[in-house]
């Protein structure tokens, strides 16, 4: 309700933002991982296309990312998001 009042008082117009079919992740140049395995995972993710639900705008996780396992010095780790590390 506050948003509606804010928009009305300032005469702001609302509009629909188009939802893309897919998006991709472009890692920033400063992101450089020290281990070959984690760098390979980052490279794989940068090559993936993430599909977007046309109704909600939520990103659908690729099956390949969901099944990905990453090994760290403390052992194998994985999660619902696909990648997690043990501290």
N, C-alpha and C. Protein backbone atom coordinates (compact mmCIF):
# COMPACT_ATOMS: atom_id res chain seq x y z
N UNK A 1 0.82 -1.19 0.00
CA UNK A 1 0.00 0.00 0.00
C UNK A 1 0.86 1.25 0.00
N UNK A 2 1.94 1.24 0.74
CA UNK A 2 2.81 2.40 0.78
C UNK A 2 3.39 2.68 -0.60
N UNK A 3 3.73 1.62 -1.32
CA UNK A 3 4.29 1.80 -2.66
C UNK A 3 3.27 2.45 -3.59
N UNK A 4 2.02 2.02 -3.49
CA UNK A 4 0.97 2.60 -4.32
C UNK A 4 0.82 4.10 -4.03
N UNK A 5 0.79 4.46 -2.76
CA UNK A 5 0.67 5.87 -2.39
C UNK A 5 1.88 6.67 -2.84
N UNK A 6 3.04 6.09 -2.72
CA UNK A 6 4.28 6.74 -3.14
C UNK A 6 4.24 7.02 -4.64
N UNK A 7 3.86 6.00 -5.42
CA UNK A 7 3.78 6.15 -6.88
C UNK A 7 2.73 7.18 -7.27
N UNK A 8 1.59 7.17 -6.59
CA UNK A 8 0.51 8.10 -6.92
C UNK A 8 0.90 9.54 -6.59
N UNK A 9 1.49 9.76 -5.43
CA UNK A 9 1.86 11.12 -5.03
C UNK A 9 2.97 11.71 -5.91
N UNK A 10 3.84 10.88 -6.41
CA UNK A 10 4.93 11.37 -7.25
C UNK A 10 4.63 11.25 -8.75
N UNK A 11 3.40 10.81 -9.06
CA UNK A 11 2.97 10.62 -10.45
C UNK A 11 3.91 9.71 -11.22
N UNK A 12 4.36 8.65 -10.56
CA UNK A 12 5.23 7.68 -11.22
C UNK A 12 4.38 6.69 -12.00
N UNK A 13 4.85 6.34 -13.17
CA UNK A 13 4.13 5.39 -14.00
C UNK A 13 4.74 4.01 -13.82
N UNK A 14 3.91 3.02 -13.75
CA UNK A 14 4.41 1.65 -13.67
C UNK A 14 4.35 1.03 -15.06
N UNK A 15 5.22 0.09 -15.30
CA UNK A 15 5.23 -0.60 -16.58
C UNK A 15 5.73 -2.01 -16.36
N UNK A 16 5.39 -2.87 -17.29
CA UNK A 16 5.82 -4.26 -17.22
C UNK A 16 7.24 -4.38 -17.76
N UNK A 17 8.03 -5.09 -17.02
CA UNK A 17 9.41 -5.36 -17.45
C UNK A 17 9.39 -6.70 -18.18
N UNK A 18 9.88 -6.75 -19.40
CA UNK A 18 9.86 -8.02 -20.12
C UNK A 18 10.76 -9.05 -19.44
N UNK A 19 10.28 -10.28 -19.39
CA UNK A 19 11.04 -11.38 -18.79
C UNK A 19 11.76 -12.13 -19.92
N UNK A 20 13.08 -12.24 -19.83
CA UNK A 20 13.81 -12.95 -20.90
C UNK A 20 13.57 -14.45 -20.82
N UNK A 21 13.79 -15.14 -21.92
CA UNK A 21 13.66 -16.61 -21.94
C UNK A 21 14.82 -17.26 -21.20
N UNK A 22 16.02 -16.71 -21.37
CA UNK A 22 17.21 -17.25 -20.72
C UNK A 22 18.10 -16.09 -20.25
N UNK A 23 18.95 -16.41 -19.28
CA UNK A 23 19.99 -15.48 -18.86
C UNK A 23 21.28 -16.28 -18.71
N UNK A 24 22.38 -15.59 -18.62
CA UNK A 24 23.66 -16.25 -18.39
C UNK A 24 24.41 -15.47 -17.33
N UNK A 25 25.40 -16.12 -16.74
CA UNK A 25 26.21 -15.49 -15.70
C UNK A 25 27.57 -15.15 -16.29
N UNK A 26 27.92 -13.91 -16.24
CA UNK A 26 29.23 -13.45 -16.69
C UNK A 26 30.04 -13.07 -15.47
N UNK A 27 30.97 -13.92 -15.05
CA UNK A 27 31.76 -13.60 -13.85
C UNK A 27 32.57 -12.32 -14.06
N UNK A 28 32.71 -11.53 -13.01
CA UNK A 28 33.52 -10.32 -13.14
C UNK A 28 34.99 -10.68 -13.36
N UNK A 29 35.70 -9.79 -14.01
CA UNK A 29 37.11 -10.03 -14.34
C UNK A 29 37.98 -10.27 -13.11
N UNK A 30 37.64 -9.64 -12.00
CA UNK A 30 38.47 -9.78 -10.81
C UNK A 30 38.29 -11.12 -10.10
N UNK A 31 37.28 -11.90 -10.49
CA UNK A 31 37.03 -13.18 -9.84
C UNK A 31 37.94 -14.23 -10.44
N UNK A 32 38.93 -14.64 -9.65
CA UNK A 32 39.89 -15.65 -10.10
C UNK A 32 40.05 -16.64 -8.96
N UNK A 33 39.67 -17.88 -9.22
CA UNK A 33 39.72 -18.90 -8.18
C UNK A 33 41.07 -19.60 -8.22
N UNK A 34 41.60 -19.94 -7.06
CA UNK A 34 42.96 -20.47 -6.95
C UNK A 34 43.09 -21.95 -7.26
N UNK A 35 41.99 -22.68 -7.20
CA UNK A 35 42.06 -24.12 -7.43
C UNK A 35 41.46 -24.46 -8.78
N UNK A 36 42.11 -25.36 -9.49
CA UNK A 36 41.66 -25.71 -10.84
C UNK A 36 40.23 -26.22 -10.86
N UNK A 37 39.86 -27.02 -9.87
CA UNK A 37 38.51 -27.58 -9.82
C UNK A 37 37.44 -26.51 -9.69
N UNK A 38 37.65 -25.57 -8.78
CA UNK A 38 36.64 -24.52 -8.59
C UNK A 38 36.66 -23.55 -9.78
N UNK A 39 37.79 -23.32 -10.37
CA UNK A 39 37.85 -22.47 -11.58
C UNK A 39 37.10 -23.14 -12.72
N UNK A 40 37.23 -24.47 -12.83
CA UNK A 40 36.51 -25.21 -13.87
C UNK A 40 35.00 -25.12 -13.66
N UNK A 41 34.56 -25.19 -12.41
CA UNK A 41 33.13 -25.05 -12.11
C UNK A 41 32.64 -23.67 -12.53
N UNK A 42 33.41 -22.64 -12.20
CA UNK A 42 33.04 -21.28 -12.58
C UNK A 42 32.97 -21.15 -14.10
N UNK A 43 33.92 -21.72 -14.79
CA UNK A 43 33.92 -21.68 -16.26
C UNK A 43 32.69 -22.39 -16.82
N UNK A 44 32.36 -23.55 -16.24
CA UNK A 44 31.16 -24.28 -16.69
C UNK A 44 29.90 -23.45 -16.49
N UNK A 45 29.79 -22.81 -15.34
CA UNK A 45 28.61 -21.99 -15.04
C UNK A 45 28.52 -20.82 -16.01
N UNK A 46 29.65 -20.24 -16.36
CA UNK A 46 29.65 -19.12 -17.30
C UNK A 46 29.18 -19.53 -18.69
N UNK A 47 29.29 -20.82 -19.02
CA UNK A 47 28.86 -21.32 -20.33
C UNK A 47 27.40 -21.74 -20.35
N UNK A 48 26.77 -21.88 -19.17
CA UNK A 48 25.40 -22.37 -19.08
C UNK A 48 24.38 -21.30 -19.42
N UNK A 49 23.24 -21.75 -19.91
CA UNK A 49 22.08 -20.87 -20.08
C UNK A 49 21.09 -21.23 -18.99
N UNK A 50 20.62 -20.22 -18.29
CA UNK A 50 19.65 -20.41 -17.23
C UNK A 50 18.28 -19.99 -17.77
N UNK A 51 17.34 -20.92 -17.77
CA UNK A 51 16.00 -20.62 -18.27
C UNK A 51 15.19 -19.91 -17.19
N UNK A 52 14.33 -19.01 -17.65
CA UNK A 52 13.54 -18.19 -16.74
C UNK A 52 12.08 -18.56 -16.89
N UNK A 53 11.39 -18.76 -15.76
CA UNK A 53 9.97 -19.05 -15.78
C UNK A 53 9.23 -17.81 -16.30
N UNK A 54 8.48 -17.95 -17.38
CA UNK A 54 7.85 -16.77 -17.99
C UNK A 54 6.78 -16.11 -17.13
N UNK A 55 6.20 -16.85 -16.20
CA UNK A 55 5.14 -16.27 -15.36
C UNK A 55 5.70 -15.59 -14.12
N UNK A 56 6.66 -16.24 -13.48
CA UNK A 56 7.16 -15.70 -12.20
C UNK A 56 8.45 -14.91 -12.35
N UNK A 57 9.22 -15.19 -13.41
CA UNK A 57 10.53 -14.55 -13.55
C UNK A 57 11.62 -15.25 -12.76
N UNK A 58 11.29 -16.38 -12.12
CA UNK A 58 12.29 -17.12 -11.35
C UNK A 58 13.20 -17.91 -12.29
N UNK A 59 14.44 -18.00 -11.91
CA UNK A 59 15.42 -18.73 -12.70
C UNK A 59 15.31 -20.21 -12.37
N UNK A 60 15.31 -21.04 -13.41
CA UNK A 60 15.28 -22.49 -13.24
C UNK A 60 16.71 -23.01 -13.27
N UNK A 61 17.08 -23.76 -12.25
CA UNK A 61 18.44 -24.28 -12.18
C UNK A 61 18.62 -25.39 -13.22
N UNK A 62 19.68 -25.32 -14.01
CA UNK A 62 19.95 -26.39 -14.97
C UNK A 62 20.21 -27.71 -14.24
N UNK A 63 19.74 -28.80 -14.82
CA UNK A 63 19.97 -30.12 -14.22
C UNK A 63 21.45 -30.40 -14.02
N UNK A 64 22.26 -29.96 -14.96
CA UNK A 64 23.70 -30.23 -14.85
C UNK A 64 24.31 -29.55 -13.63
N UNK A 65 23.80 -28.40 -13.25
CA UNK A 65 24.31 -27.71 -12.08
C UNK A 65 23.80 -28.37 -10.80
N UNK A 66 22.58 -28.84 -10.83
CA UNK A 66 22.00 -29.49 -9.66
C UNK A 66 22.76 -30.77 -9.31
N UNK A 67 23.29 -31.44 -10.31
CA UNK A 67 23.98 -32.72 -10.10
C UNK A 67 25.49 -32.55 -9.89
N UNK A 68 25.96 -31.33 -10.00
CA UNK A 68 27.40 -31.07 -9.89
C UNK A 68 27.88 -31.25 -8.45
N UNK A 69 29.00 -31.91 -8.30
CA UNK A 69 29.61 -32.08 -6.99
C UNK A 69 30.99 -31.44 -7.02
N UNK A 70 31.30 -30.76 -5.95
CA UNK A 70 32.59 -30.08 -5.85
C UNK A 70 33.33 -30.67 -4.67
N UNK A 71 34.61 -30.95 -4.85
CA UNK A 71 35.43 -31.50 -3.79
C UNK A 71 36.33 -30.39 -3.24
N UNK A 72 36.36 -30.28 -1.94
CA UNK A 72 37.22 -29.29 -1.30
C UNK A 72 38.23 -30.03 -0.42
N UNK A 73 39.08 -29.31 0.21
CA UNK A 73 40.07 -29.93 1.09
C UNK A 73 39.42 -30.68 2.24
N UNK A 74 38.22 -30.26 2.62
CA UNK A 74 37.54 -30.91 3.75
C UNK A 74 36.64 -32.05 3.30
N UNK A 75 36.53 -32.30 1.99
CA UNK A 75 35.72 -33.41 1.51
C UNK A 75 34.69 -32.96 0.49
N UNK A 76 33.89 -33.92 0.04
CA UNK A 76 32.87 -33.65 -0.97
C UNK A 76 31.77 -32.80 -0.38
N UNK A 77 31.33 -31.81 -1.13
CA UNK A 77 30.22 -30.97 -0.69
C UNK A 77 29.27 -30.74 -1.85
N UNK A 78 28.00 -30.64 -1.54
CA UNK A 78 27.01 -30.27 -2.54
C UNK A 78 25.78 -29.79 -1.78
N UNK A 79 24.89 -29.14 -2.48
CA UNK A 79 23.68 -28.63 -1.85
C UNK A 79 22.58 -28.51 -2.89
N UNK A 80 21.40 -28.08 -2.46
CA UNK A 80 20.29 -27.89 -3.38
C UNK A 80 20.62 -26.84 -4.44
N UNK A 81 21.48 -25.91 -4.11
CA UNK A 81 21.85 -24.89 -5.08
C UNK A 81 22.93 -25.39 -6.03
N UNK A 82 23.46 -26.57 -5.78
CA UNK A 82 24.44 -27.16 -6.66
C UNK A 82 25.85 -27.08 -6.15
N UNK A 83 26.21 -26.00 -5.48
CA UNK A 83 27.58 -25.85 -5.01
C UNK A 83 27.57 -25.27 -3.61
N UNK A 84 28.33 -25.85 -2.73
CA UNK A 84 28.53 -25.31 -1.38
C UNK A 84 29.87 -25.80 -0.90
N UNK A 85 30.47 -25.08 -0.02
CA UNK A 85 31.75 -25.48 0.53
C UNK A 85 31.66 -25.56 2.04
N UNK A 86 32.32 -26.56 2.59
CA UNK A 86 32.41 -26.63 4.05
C UNK A 86 33.44 -25.64 4.52
N UNK A 87 33.17 -24.94 5.62
CA UNK A 87 34.17 -24.00 6.12
C UNK A 87 35.39 -24.71 6.67
